[in-house]
Amino acid sequence: MSALSRGFISRLRTLSVSSKPTPTCTTLPSFSQYLLRRFSAEPAIDECGPGTRVIEAKPRVMTPNSKRTGVIAVKCGMTALWDKWGARIPISLLWVDDNIVSQVKTVEKEGFFALQIGCGQKKEKHLTKPEVGHFRAQGVAMKRKLREFPVTEDALIPVGTSISVKHFVPGQYVDVTGITRGKGFQGVMKRWGFKGGSASHGNSLSHRTHGSIGSQGHGKVIKGKKMAGRMGGKQRTVKNVWVYKIDPARSLMWVRGQVPGAEGNFVFIKDAVYKKPDNSLLPFPTYFAAEDEKEADLKPIIADLGDVDPFMLAE
């Protein structure tokens, strides 16, 4: 850290200590305290003291501005079903593997509201010491994958709360994010869909090349030029994916269409941004299982498509 940065942080610390009023618990921290937490590696003083924000695991009323957390799932593969006209519809199968809340982030400490979700299981010997220390400090089990989802204040859930596949409702739309399949170094015809060179005589060994890249003006290749290179292996989001069916007993979810990634990869699911689901149908902030939940409540739930199950037509 430069001398200017150290002086800036010390000045903020002086202002926050000398001119701070009587400690009062507010929703948003002061601007100097926020900058101190943002740019300094040292922990700032919590004016409100520990335990001021009480987060309860209970159902709440969802507003139009509320934003729920997402979940982490494992892509298991793809199947298909046939509609009543005989058309084949691809279906992706996702497994929501033991999702729990591993950390809660608030504006008093981090400056924003978010929930860190953990998925799967992993042995302590396979984790780094900082990761083990993080899980021990939060008092949760060791998790294989972590993901942070921004939420609104009314959607906060206490640490250790389990999030099941019933967090989503069949018939709603979701956005699925994942890492696409890596295809290695590819040419322009496969990577960008170029038509290639002429196949007639006179074109010697240049049938699949990109040809001239044109005048670059500055004597160098402009960034973003479509040329051969590494293909795939990037984060992509497929929007407005329709949820067809959920199986709470096996924590499985069927969604219509394809999702990014190969089988066994992690994908991140959240409520759709453009095709927003009906707030009255979604469990908010998540689905809380009742103590007397029976096996009948764990039966598969299918979206309303009529009296005929499309999976029965495929058999």
C-alpha atoms as a PDB file:
ATOM      1  CA  MET A   1       0.000   0.000   0.000  1.00  0.00           C
ATOM      2  CA  SER A   2       1.441   3.409  -0.975  1.00  0.00           C
ATOM      3  CA  ALA A   3       2.020   6.279   1.441  1.00  0.00           C
ATOM      4  CA  LEU A   4      -0.910   8.183  -0.033  1.00  0.00           C
ATOM      5  CA  SER A   5      -3.233   5.223   0.555  1.00  0.00           C
ATOM      6  CA  ARG A   6      -2.012   4.803   4.135  1.00  0.00           C
ATOM      7  CA  GLY A   7      -2.539   8.498   4.794  1.00  0.00           C
ATOM      8  CA  PHE A   8      -6.004   8.333   3.260  1.00  0.00           C
ATOM      9  CA  ILE A   9      -7.000   5.397   5.450  1.00  0.00           C
ATOM     10  CA  SER A  10      -5.542   6.976   8.607  1.00  0.00           C
ATOM     11  CA  ARG A  11      -7.441  10.201   7.878  1.00  0.00           C
ATOM     12  CA  LEU A  12     -10.677   8.252   7.474  1.00  0.00           C
ATOM     13  CA  ARG A  13      -9.995   6.443  10.737  1.00  0.00           C
ATOM     14  CA  THR A  14      -9.393   9.756  12.495  1.00  0.00           C
ATOM     15  CA  LEU A  15     -12.593  11.247  11.158  1.00  0.00           C
ATOM     16  CA  SER A  16     -14.635   8.179  12.034  1.00  0.00           C
ATOM     17  CA  VAL A  17     -13.306   8.073  15.628  1.00  0.00           C
ATOM     18  CA  SER A  18     -13.175  11.811  16.427  1.00  0.00           C
ATOM     19  CA  SER A  19     -16.418  12.947  14.865  1.00  0.00           C
ATOM     20  CA  LYS A  20     -18.663   9.917  15.300  1.00  0.00           C
ATOM     21  CA  PRO A  21     -21.908  10.576  17.190  1.00  0.00           C
ATOM     22  CA  THR A  22     -23.603   8.381  19.727  1.00  0.00           C
ATOM     23  CA  PRO A  23     -23.624   4.801  18.440  1.00  0.00           C
ATOM     24  CA  THR A  24     -26.936   4.082  16.769  1.00  0.00           C
ATOM     25  CA  CYS A  25     -27.835   1.004  14.774  1.00  0.00           C
ATOM     26  CA  THR A  26     -28.802   2.033  11.261  1.00  0.00           C
ATOM     27  CA  THR A  27     -29.435  -0.021   8.179  1.00  0.00           C
ATOM     28  CA  LEU A  28     -26.619   1.570   6.160  1.00  0.00           C
ATOM     29  CA  PRO A  29     -23.132   2.337   7.555  1.00  0.00           C
ATOM     30  CA  SER A  30     -21.595   5.813   7.375  1.00  0.00           C
ATOM     31  CA  PHE A  31     -19.672   6.682   4.215  1.00  0.00           C
ATOM     32  CA  SER A  32     -16.332   6.894   6.037  1.00  0.00           C
ATOM     33  CA  GLN A  33     -16.885   3.508   7.663  1.00  0.00           C
ATOM     34  CA  TYR A  34     -17.793   1.991   4.294  1.00  0.00           C
ATOM     35  CA  LEU A  35     -14.619   3.369   2.666  1.00  0.00           C
ATOM     36  CA  LEU A  36     -12.577   2.159   5.627  1.00  0.00           C
ATOM     37  CA  ARG A  37     -13.917  -1.377   5.211  1.00  0.00           C
ATOM     38  CA  ARG A  38     -13.566  -1.188   1.423  1.00  0.00           C
ATOM     39  CA  PHE A  39      -9.932  -0.064   1.164  1.00  0.00           C
ATOM     40  CA  SER A  40      -8.370  -1.189   4.440  1.00  0.00           C
ATOM     41  CA  ALA A  41      -7.268  -4.728   5.248  1.00  0.00           C
ATOM     42  CA  GLU A  42      -7.850  -4.118   8.986  1.00  0.00           C
ATOM     43  CA  PRO A  43     -11.291  -4.867  10.417  1.00  0.00           C
ATOM     44  CA  ALA A  44     -13.308  -1.755  11.185  1.00  0.00           C
ATOM     45  CA  ILE A  45     -15.004  -1.099  14.506  1.00  0.00           C
ATOM     46  CA  ASP A  46     -18.618  -2.238  14.600  1.00  0.00           C
ATOM     47  CA  GLU A  47     -20.540   0.598  16.184  1.00  0.00           C
ATOM     48  CA  CYS A  48     -23.663  -1.426  16.708  1.00  0.00           C
ATOM     49  CA  GLY A  49     -21.910  -4.319  18.401  1.00  0.00           C
ATOM     50  CA  PRO A  50     -22.254  -8.011  17.695  1.00  0.00           C
ATOM     51  CA  GLY A  51     -25.602  -9.673  17.255  1.00  0.00           C
ATOM     52  CA  THR A  52     -27.579  -6.579  16.222  1.00  0.00           C
ATOM     53  CA  ARG A  53     -29.141  -8.124  13.109  1.00  0.00           C
ATOM     54  CA  VAL A  54     -31.362 -11.078  13.868  1.00  0.00           C
ATOM     55  CA  ILE A  55     -32.032 -13.326  10.870  1.00  0.00           C
ATOM     56  CA  GLU A  56     -34.828 -15.830  11.361  1.00  0.00           C
ATOM     57  CA  ALA A  57     -35.588 -18.885   9.268  1.00  0.00           C
ATOM     58  CA  LYS A  58     -39.270 -18.290   8.678  1.00  0.00           C
ATOM     59  CA  PRO A  59     -41.510 -17.652   5.647  1.00  0.00           C
ATOM     60  CA  ARG A  60     -42.030 -14.040   4.634  1.00  0.00           C
ATOM     61  CA  VAL A  61     -44.083 -12.097   2.128  1.00  0.00           C
ATOM     62  CA  MET A  62     -42.339 -11.542  -1.198  1.00  0.00           C
ATOM     63  CA  THR A  63     -42.530  -8.085  -2.746  1.00  0.00           C
ATOM     64  CA  PRO A  64     -42.011  -7.149  -6.420  1.00  0.00           C
ATOM     65  CA  ASN A  65     -38.540  -5.843  -5.533  1.00  0.00           C
ATOM     66  CA  SER A  66     -37.485  -8.924  -3.551  1.00  0.00           C
ATOM     67  CA  LYS A  67     -34.612 -11.015  -4.881  1.00  0.00           C
ATOM     68  CA  ARG A  68     -34.182 -14.603  -3.740  1.00  0.00           C
ATOM     69  CA  THR A  69     -30.980 -16.572  -3.570  1.00  0.00           C
ATOM     70  CA  GLY A  70     -30.009 -19.141  -6.159  1.00  0.00           C
ATOM     71  CA  VAL A  71     -28.807 -22.733  -5.804  1.00  0.00           C
ATOM     72  CA  ILE A  72     -25.880 -24.818  -7.032  1.00  0.00           C
ATOM     73  CA  ALA A  73     -26.622 -27.968  -9.015  1.00  0.00           C
ATOM     74  CA  VAL A  74     -24.736 -30.688 -10.868  1.00  0.00           C
ATOM     75  CA  LYS A  75     -25.558 -31.384 -14.492  1.00  0.00           C
ATOM     76  CA  CYS A  76     -26.412 -35.085 -14.699  1.00  0.00           C
ATOM     77  CA  GLY A  77     -27.209 -35.416 -18.383  1.00  0.00           C
ATOM     78  CA  MET A  78     -29.988 -34.984 -20.924  1.00  0.00           C
ATOM     79  CA  THR A  79     -33.119 -36.869 -21.854  1.00  0.00           C
ATOM     80  CA  ALA A  80     -36.121 -36.146 -24.055  1.00  0.00           C
ATOM     81  CA  LEU A  81     -39.887 -36.166 -24.041  1.00  0.00           C
ATOM     82  CA  TRP A  82     -42.499 -35.963 -26.790  1.00  0.00           C
ATOM     83  CA  ASP A  83     -45.376 -33.538 -26.780  1.00  0.00           C
ATOM     84  CA  LYS A  84     -48.904 -34.348 -27.969  1.00  0.00           C
ATOM     85  CA  TRP A  85     -47.935 -33.483 -31.560  1.00  0.00           C
ATOM     86  CA  GLY A  86     -45.023 -35.946 -31.527  1.00  0.00           C
ATOM     87  CA  ALA A  87     -42.288 -33.343 -31.435  1.00  0.00           C
ATOM     88  CA  ARG A  88     -39.126 -34.239 -29.492  1.00  0.00           C
ATOM     89  CA  ILE A  89     -38.303 -31.853 -26.637  1.00  0.00           C
ATOM     90  CA  PRO A  90     -34.811 -32.002 -25.049  1.00  0.00           C
ATOM     91  CA  ILE A  91     -34.717 -32.060 -21.257  1.00  0.00           C
ATOM     92  CA  SER A  92     -31.687 -31.423 -18.995  1.00  0.00           C
ATOM     93  CA  LEU A  93     -31.451 -33.218 -15.666  1.00  0.00           C
ATOM     94  CA  LEU A  94     -29.950 -31.266 -12.734  1.00  0.00           C
ATOM     95  CA  TRP A  95     -29.117 -32.532  -9.238  1.00  0.00           C
ATOM     96  CA  VAL A  96     -29.333 -30.056  -6.331  1.00  0.00           C
ATOM     97  CA  ASP A  97     -26.772 -31.672  -4.027  1.00  0.00           C
ATOM     98  CA  ASP A  98     -27.100 -30.673  -0.342  1.00  0.00           C
ATOM     99  CA  ASN A  99     -27.203 -26.877  -0.621  1.00  0.00           C
ATOM    100  CA  ILE A 100     -26.801 -24.909   2.624  1.00  0.00           C
ATOM    101  CA  VAL A 101     -26.133 -21.285   3.532  1.00  0.00           C
ATOM    102  CA  SER A 102     -22.437 -21.067   4.453  1.00  0.00           C
ATOM    103  CA  GLN A 103     -22.158 -17.289   4.995  1.00  0.00           C
ATOM    104  CA  VAL A 104     -24.412 -14.234   5.271  1.00  0.00           C
ATOM    105  CA  LYS A 105     -23.098 -10.875   4.050  1.00  0.00           C
ATOM    106  CA  THR A 106     -24.753  -7.638   5.202  1.00  0.00           C
ATOM    107  CA  VAL A 107     -24.273  -3.932   4.614  1.00  0.00           C
ATOM    108  CA  GLU A 108     -22.987  -3.436   8.157  1.00  0.00           C
ATOM    109  CA  LYS A 109     -19.914  -5.544   7.467  1.00  0.00           C
ATOM    110  CA  GLU A 110     -19.442  -6.040   3.719  1.00  0.00           C
ATOM    111  CA  GLY A 111     -21.476  -3.130   2.367  1.00  0.00           C
ATOM    112  CA  PHE A 112     -24.064  -5.256   0.511  1.00  0.00           C
ATOM    113  CA  PHE A 113     -26.535  -8.096   1.026  1.00  0.00           C
ATOM    114  CA  ALA A 114     -25.613 -11.546  -0.289  1.00  0.00           C
ATOM    115  CA  LEU A 115     -25.766 -15.212   0.630  1.00  0.00           C
ATOM    116  CA  GLN A 116     -22.907 -17.652   0.111  1.00  0.00           C
ATOM    117  CA  ILE A 117     -24.243 -21.111  -0.777  1.00  0.00           C
ATOM    118  CA  GLY A 118     -22.260 -24.334  -0.393  1.00  0.00           C
ATOM    119  CA  CYS A 119     -22.902 -27.510  -2.365  1.00  0.00           C
ATOM    120  CA  GLY A 120     -21.763 -31.123  -2.063  1.00  0.00           C
ATOM    121  CA  GLN A 121     -19.313 -32.632   0.414  1.00  0.00           C
ATOM    122  CA  LYS A 122     -15.546 -32.659   0.560  1.00  0.00           C
ATOM    123  CA  LYS A 123     -13.001 -34.040   3.027  1.00  0.00           C
ATOM    124  CA  GLU A 124     -10.957 -31.662   5.126  1.00  0.00           C
ATOM    125  CA  LYS A 125      -7.667 -33.062   3.797  1.00  0.00           C
ATOM    126  CA  HIS A 126      -8.678 -32.041   0.278  1.00  0.00           C
ATOM    127  CA  LEU A 127      -9.244 -28.387   1.233  1.00  0.00           C
ATOM    128  CA  THR A 128      -6.776 -25.601   1.827  1.00  0.00           C
ATOM    129  CA  LYS A 129      -6.236 -24.209   5.334  1.00  0.00           C
ATOM    130  CA  PRO A 130      -8.033 -20.921   4.566  1.00  0.00           C
ATOM    131  CA  GLU A 131     -11.037 -22.872   3.281  1.00  0.00           C
ATOM    132  CA  VAL A 132     -11.105 -25.085   6.364  1.00  0.00           C
ATOM    133  CA  GLY A 133     -10.840 -22.025   8.591  1.00  0.00           C
ATOM    134  CA  HIS A 134     -13.720 -20.377   6.763  1.00  0.00           C
ATOM    135  CA  PHE A 135     -16.038 -23.354   7.244  1.00  0.00           C
ATOM    136  CA  ARG A 136     -15.057 -23.724  10.900  1.00  0.00           C
ATOM    137  CA  ALA A 137     -15.628 -20.036  11.582  1.00  0.00           C
ATOM    138  CA  GLN A 138     -19.117 -20.278  10.083  1.00  0.00           C
ATOM    139  CA  GLY A 139     -19.851 -23.568  11.862  1.00  0.00           C
ATOM    140  CA  VAL A 140     -20.924 -25.459   8.740  1.00  0.00           C
ATOM    141  CA  ALA A 141     -19.812 -28.694   7.102  1.00  0.00           C
ATOM    142  CA  MET A 142     -17.035 -28.767   4.510  1.00  0.00           C
ATOM    143  CA  LYS A 143     -18.445 -28.025   1.067  1.00  0.00           C
ATOM    144  CA  ARG A 144     -17.162 -28.855  -2.387  1.00  0.00           C
ATOM    145  CA  LYS A 145     -18.406 -25.759  -4.231  1.00  0.00           C
ATOM    146  CA  LEU A 146     -19.216 -22.225  -3.062  1.00  0.00           C
ATOM    147  CA  ARG A 147     -21.157 -19.519  -4.856  1.00  0.00           C
ATOM    148  CA  GLU A 148     -22.311 -16.070  -3.763  1.00  0.00           C
ATOM    149  CA  PHE A 149     -25.772 -14.824  -4.759  1.00  0.00           C
ATOM    150  CA  PRO A 150     -26.821 -11.194  -4.230  1.00  0.00           C
ATOM    151  CA  VAL A 151     -30.166 -10.891  -2.435  1.00  0.00           C
ATOM    152  CA  THR A 152     -32.358  -8.231  -0.898  1.00  0.00           C
ATOM    153  CA  GLU A 153     -32.534  -7.612   2.821  1.00  0.00           C
ATOM    154  CA  ASP A 154     -35.858  -9.417   3.256  1.00  0.00           C
ATOM    155  CA  ALA A 155     -34.431 -12.577   1.586  1.00  0.00           C
ATOM    156  CA  LEU A 156     -31.647 -13.202   4.121  1.00  0.00           C
ATOM    157  CA  ILE A 157     -31.465 -16.719   5.596  1.00  0.00           C
ATOM    158  CA  PRO A 158     -29.416 -17.744   8.663  1.00  0.00           C
ATOM    159  CA  VAL A 159     -26.212 -19.747   8.272  1.00  0.00           C
ATOM    160  CA  GLY A 160     -26.757 -23.491   8.139  1.00  0.00           C
ATOM    161  CA  THR A 161     -30.191 -23.346   6.526  1.00  0.00           C
ATOM    162  CA  SER A 162     -30.720 -26.108   3.988  1.00  0.00           C
ATOM    163  CA  ILE A 163     -32.013 -25.160   0.524  1.00  0.00           C
ATOM    164  CA  SER A 164     -33.793 -27.976  -1.268  1.00  0.00           C
ATOM    165  CA  VAL A 165     -34.968 -28.417  -4.833  1.00  0.00           C
ATOM    166  CA  LYS A 166     -38.392 -27.143  -3.697  1.00  0.00           C
ATOM    167  CA  HIS A 167     -36.841 -23.684  -3.754  1.00  0.00           C
ATOM    168  CA  PHE A 168     -38.139 -23.632  -7.341  1.00  0.00           C
ATOM    169  CA  VAL A 169     -41.647 -24.344  -8.615  1.00  0.00           C
ATOM    170  CA  PRO A 170     -42.436 -26.370 -11.768  1.00  0.00           C
ATOM    171  CA  GLY A 171     -43.683 -24.069 -14.492  1.00  0.00           C
ATOM    172  CA  GLN A 172     -41.462 -21.110 -13.610  1.00  0.00           C
ATOM    173  CA  TYR A 173     -38.529 -19.784 -15.624  1.00  0.00           C
ATOM    174  CA  VAL A 174     -34.933 -19.743 -14.357  1.00  0.00           C
ATOM    175  CA  ASP A 175     -31.518 -18.560 -15.556  1.00  0.00           C
ATOM    176  CA  VAL A 176     -28.780 -21.231 -15.586  1.00  0.00           C
ATOM    177  CA  THR A 177     -25.083 -20.249 -15.534  1.00  0.00           C
ATOM    178  CA  GLY A 178     -22.199 -22.646 -16.149  1.00  0.00           C
ATOM    179  CA  ILE A 179     -18.860 -23.195 -17.852  1.00  0.00           C
ATOM    180  CA  THR A 180     -19.223 -24.348 -21.452  1.00  0.00           C
ATOM    181  CA  ARG A 181     -17.500 -27.433 -22.818  1.00  0.00           C
ATOM    182  CA  GLY A 182     -13.869 -26.831 -23.704  1.00  0.00           C
ATOM    183  CA  LYS A 183     -13.110 -27.763 -27.330  1.00  0.00           C
ATOM    184  CA  GLY A 184      -9.439 -26.822 -27.465  1.00  0.00           C
ATOM    185  CA  PHE A 185      -7.735 -24.877 -30.266  1.00  0.00           C
ATOM    186  CA  GLN A 186     -10.084 -24.650 -33.243  1.00  0.00           C
ATOM    187  CA  GLY A 187     -10.063 -22.942 -36.630  1.00  0.00           C
ATOM    188  CA  VAL A 188     -12.311 -20.158 -37.796  1.00  0.00           C
ATOM    189  CA  MET A 189     -14.795 -22.445 -39.561  1.00  0.00           C
ATOM    190  CA  LYS A 190     -15.711 -24.295 -36.375  1.00  0.00           C
ATOM    191  CA  ARG A 191     -15.145 -21.455 -33.943  1.00  0.00           C
ATOM    192  CA  TRP A 192     -16.887 -18.634 -35.810  1.00  0.00           C
ATOM    193  CA  GLY A 193     -18.786 -20.365 -38.602  1.00  0.00           C
ATOM    194  CA  PHE A 194     -16.698 -19.033 -41.517  1.00  0.00           C
ATOM    195  CA  LYS A 195     -17.510 -20.633 -44.880  1.00  0.00           C
ATOM    196  CA  GLY A 196     -13.821 -21.190 -45.739  1.00  0.00           C
ATOM    197  CA  GLY A 197     -12.014 -20.787 -49.042  1.00  0.00           C
ATOM    198  CA  SER A 198     -12.916 -22.017 -52.482  1.00  0.00           C
ATOM    199  CA  ALA A 199     -12.813 -25.762 -53.167  1.00  0.00           C
ATOM    200  CA  SER A 200     -11.975 -25.371 -56.861  1.00  0.00           C
ATOM    201  CA  HIS A 201      -8.553 -25.622 -58.521  1.00  0.00           C
ATOM    202  CA  GLY A 202      -6.106 -22.835 -57.848  1.00  0.00           C
ATOM    203  CA  ASN A 203      -6.698 -22.870 -54.099  1.00  0.00           C
ATOM    204  CA  SER A 204      -3.763 -24.819 -52.729  1.00  0.00           C
ATOM    205  CA  LEU A 205      -4.138 -26.023 -49.123  1.00  0.00           C
ATOM    206  CA  SER A 206      -6.168 -22.959 -48.126  1.00  0.00           C
ATOM    207  CA  HIS A 207      -9.661 -24.398 -48.011  1.00  0.00           C
ATOM    208  CA  ARG A 208     -10.298 -23.859 -44.281  1.00  0.00           C
ATOM    209  CA  THR A 209      -8.157 -20.782 -43.607  1.00  0.00           C
ATOM    210  CA  HIS A 210      -9.608 -17.402 -42.685  1.00  0.00           C
ATOM    211  CA  GLY A 211      -7.880 -15.571 -45.533  1.00  0.00           C
ATOM    212  CA  SER A 212      -6.839 -11.939 -45.270  1.00  0.00           C
ATOM    213  CA  ILE A 213      -7.640 -10.162 -42.012  1.00  0.00           C
ATOM    214  CA  GLY A 214      -7.837  -6.777 -43.753  1.00  0.00           C
ATOM    215  CA  SER A 215      -6.093  -3.500 -43.015  1.00  0.00           C
ATOM    216  CA  GLN A 216      -5.578  -3.071 -39.295  1.00  0.00           C
ATOM    217  CA  GLY A 217      -4.656   0.598 -39.466  1.00  0.00           C
ATOM    218  CA  HIS A 218      -2.244   0.686 -36.525  1.00  0.00           C
ATOM    219  CA  GLY A 219      -0.017  -2.077 -37.826  1.00  0.00           C
ATOM    220  CA  LYS A 220      -1.313  -4.611 -35.317  1.00  0.00           C
ATOM    221  CA  VAL A 221      -4.220  -7.012 -34.992  1.00  0.00           C
ATOM    222  CA  ILE A 222      -7.222  -5.305 -33.411  1.00  0.00           C
ATOM    223  CA  LYS A 223      -8.488  -6.925 -30.216  1.00  0.00           C
ATOM    224  CA  GLY A 224     -11.517  -9.122 -30.727  1.00  0.00           C
ATOM    225  CA  LYS A 225     -10.629 -10.072 -34.297  1.00  0.00           C
ATOM    226  CA  LYS A 226     -12.272 -13.361 -35.231  1.00  0.00           C
ATOM    227  CA  MET A 227      -9.397 -15.764 -35.750  1.00  0.00           C
ATOM    228  CA  ALA A 228      -8.427 -19.287 -34.742  1.00  0.00           C
ATOM    229  CA  GLY A 229      -7.948 -19.904 -31.035  1.00  0.00           C
ATOM    230  CA  ARG A 230      -9.217 -21.607 -27.896  1.00  0.00           C
ATOM    231  CA  MET A 231     -12.893 -22.475 -28.121  1.00  0.00           C
ATOM    232  CA  GLY A 232     -15.260 -23.057 -25.198  1.00  0.00           C
ATOM    233  CA  GLY A 233     -14.447 -23.190 -21.512  1.00  0.00           C
ATOM    234  CA  LYS A 234     -16.159 -19.840 -20.788  1.00  0.00           C
ATOM    235  CA  GLN A 235     -18.920 -18.835 -18.419  1.00  0.00           C
ATOM    236  CA  ARG A 236     -22.235 -18.526 -20.167  1.00  0.00           C
ATOM    237  CA  THR A 237     -25.810 -18.002 -18.988  1.00  0.00           C
ATOM    238  CA  VAL A 238     -28.858 -19.535 -20.655  1.00  0.00           C
ATOM    239  CA  LYS A 239     -31.853 -17.338 -19.864  1.00  0.00           C
ATOM    240  CA  ASN A 240     -35.520 -18.236 -19.484  1.00  0.00           C
ATOM    241  CA  VAL A 241     -35.138 -21.986 -18.993  1.00  0.00           C
ATOM    242  CA  TRP A 242     -38.492 -23.581 -18.195  1.00  0.00           C
ATOM    243  CA  VAL A 243     -38.721 -25.897 -15.140  1.00  0.00           C
ATOM    244  CA  TYR A 244     -40.678 -28.988 -16.138  1.00  0.00           C
ATOM    245  CA  LYS A 245     -40.467 -31.244 -13.091  1.00  0.00           C
ATOM    246  CA  ILE A 246     -38.852 -31.585  -9.642  1.00  0.00           C
ATOM    247  CA  ASP A 247     -38.279 -34.679  -7.528  1.00  0.00           C
ATOM    248  CA  PRO A 248     -37.783 -33.688  -3.847  1.00  0.00           C
ATOM    249  CA  ALA A 249     -36.959 -37.252  -2.757  1.00  0.00           C
ATOM    250  CA  ARG A 250     -33.916 -37.400  -5.068  1.00  0.00           C
ATOM    251  CA  SER A 251     -33.241 -33.629  -5.269  1.00  0.00           C
ATOM    252  CA  LEU A 252     -33.583 -33.699  -9.051  1.00  0.00           C
ATOM    253  CA  MET A 253     -34.835 -31.023 -11.414  1.00  0.00           C
ATOM    254  CA  TRP A 254     -35.890 -31.373 -15.058  1.00  0.00           C
ATOM    255  CA  VAL A 255     -35.576 -28.227 -17.188  1.00  0.00           C
ATOM    256  CA  ARG A 256     -36.467 -27.766 -20.833  1.00  0.00           C
ATOM    257  CA  GLY A 257     -33.605 -27.271 -23.284  1.00  0.00           C
ATOM    258  CA  GLN A 258     -29.848 -27.336 -22.832  1.00  0.00           C
ATOM    259  CA  VAL A 259     -27.726 -25.831 -20.094  1.00  0.00           C
ATOM    260  CA  PRO A 260     -24.017 -24.961 -20.406  1.00  0.00           C
ATOM    261  CA  GLY A 261     -21.353 -27.420 -19.318  1.00  0.00           C
ATOM    262  CA  ALA A 262     -20.519 -31.101 -19.558  1.00  0.00           C
ATOM    263  CA  GLU A 263     -21.997 -33.852 -17.421  1.00  0.00           C
ATOM    264  CA  GLY A 264     -20.743 -33.592 -13.851  1.00  0.00           C
ATOM    265  CA  ASN A 265     -20.101 -29.835 -14.019  1.00  0.00           C
ATOM    266  CA  PHE A 266     -21.580 -27.373 -11.548  1.00  0.00           C
ATOM    267  CA  VAL A 267     -24.271 -24.975 -12.735  1.00  0.00           C
ATOM    268  CA  PHE A 268     -25.848 -22.066 -10.883  1.00  0.00           C
ATOM    269  CA  ILE A 269     -29.621 -21.589 -10.991  1.00  0.00           C
ATOM    270  CA  LYS A 270     -31.598 -18.491 -10.032  1.00  0.00           C
ATOM    271  CA  ASP A 271     -34.980 -16.964 -10.806  1.00  0.00           C
ATOM    272  CA  ALA A 272     -35.271 -15.617 -14.339  1.00  0.00           C
ATOM    273  CA  VAL A 273     -34.660 -11.891 -14.758  1.00  0.00           C
ATOM    274  CA  TYR A 274     -36.786 -11.306 -17.857  1.00  0.00           C
ATOM    275  CA  LYS A 275     -39.600 -13.854 -17.462  1.00  0.00           C
ATOM    276  CA  LYS A 276     -40.221 -13.246 -13.785  1.00  0.00           C
ATOM    277  CA  PRO A 277     -42.222 -15.955 -11.997  1.00  0.00           C
ATOM    278  CA  ASP A 278     -45.380 -15.262 -10.055  1.00  0.00           C
ATOM    279  CA  ASN A 279     -44.385 -14.105  -6.562  1.00  0.00           C
ATOM    280  CA  SER A 280     -47.415 -15.745  -5.002  1.00  0.00           C
ATOM    281  CA  LEU A 281     -46.254 -19.209  -6.154  1.00  0.00           C
ATOM    282  CA  LEU A 282     -42.630 -19.011  -4.977  1.00  0.00           C
ATOM    283  CA  PRO A 283     -41.582 -19.988  -1.428  1.00  0.00           C
ATOM    284  CA  PHE A 284     -39.943 -16.928   0.103  1.00  0.00           C
ATOM    285  CA  PRO A 285     -37.154 -16.603   1.103  1.00  0.00           C
ATOM    286  CA  THR A 286     -36.923 -20.379   0.478  1.00  0.00           C
ATOM    287  CA  TYR A 287     -38.844 -23.561   1.140  1.00  0.00           C
ATOM    288  CA  PHE A 288     -38.844 -24.567   4.817  1.00  0.00           C
ATOM    289  CA  ALA A 289     -39.703 -28.235   5.358  1.00  0.00           C
ATOM    290  CA  ALA A 290     -42.242 -28.945   8.080  1.00  0.00           C
ATOM    291  CA  GLU A 291     -41.338 -31.265  10.942  1.00  0.00           C
ATOM    292  CA  ASP A 292     -44.283 -33.535  10.169  1.00  0.00           C
ATOM    293  CA  GLU A 293     -43.603 -33.659   6.421  1.00  0.00           C
ATOM    294  CA  LYS A 294     -44.807 -36.993   5.051  1.00  0.00           C
ATOM    295  CA  GLU A 295     -43.601 -39.111   2.158  1.00  0.00           C
ATOM    296  CA  ALA A 296     -46.563 -37.910   0.110  1.00  0.00           C
ATOM    297  CA  ASP A 297     -45.048 -34.420   0.173  1.00  0.00           C
ATOM    298  CA  LEU A 298     -41.860 -35.792  -1.442  1.00  0.00           C
ATOM    299  CA  LYS A 299     -43.534 -37.102  -4.585  1.00  0.00           C
ATOM    300  CA  PRO A 300     -42.434 -35.643  -7.943  1.00  0.00           C
ATOM    301  CA  ILE A 301     -44.161 -32.419  -8.947  1.00  0.00           C
ATOM    302  CA  ILE A 302     -44.812 -31.822 -12.648  1.00  0.00           C
ATOM    303  CA  ALA A 303     -45.779 -28.583 -14.319  1.00  0.00           C
ATOM    304  CA  ASP A 304     -49.378 -28.291 -15.406  1.00  0.00           C
ATOM    305  CA  LEU A 305     -49.474 -29.634 -18.977  1.00  0.00           C
ATOM    306  CA  GLY A 306     -52.894 -31.270 -19.010  1.00  0.00           C
ATOM    307  CA  ASP A 307     -54.073 -34.800 -18.313  1.00  0.00           C
ATOM    308  CA  VAL A 308     -51.389 -36.608 -20.365  1.00  0.00           C
ATOM    309  CA  ASP A 309     -47.826 -36.946 -19.020  1.00  0.00           C
ATOM    310  CA  PRO A 310     -45.377 -36.414 -21.930  1.00  0.00           C
ATOM    311  CA  PHE A 311     -42.996 -38.940 -20.374  1.00  0.00           C
ATOM    312  CA  MET A 312     -45.615 -41.657 -20.774  1.00  0.00           C
ATOM    313  CA  LEU A 313     -45.642 -41.052 -24.543  1.00  0.00           C
ATOM    314  CA  ALA A 314     -41.892 -41.637 -24.711  1.00  0.00           C
ATOM    315  CA  GLU A 315     -42.084 -45.165 -23.257  1.00  0.00           C
END
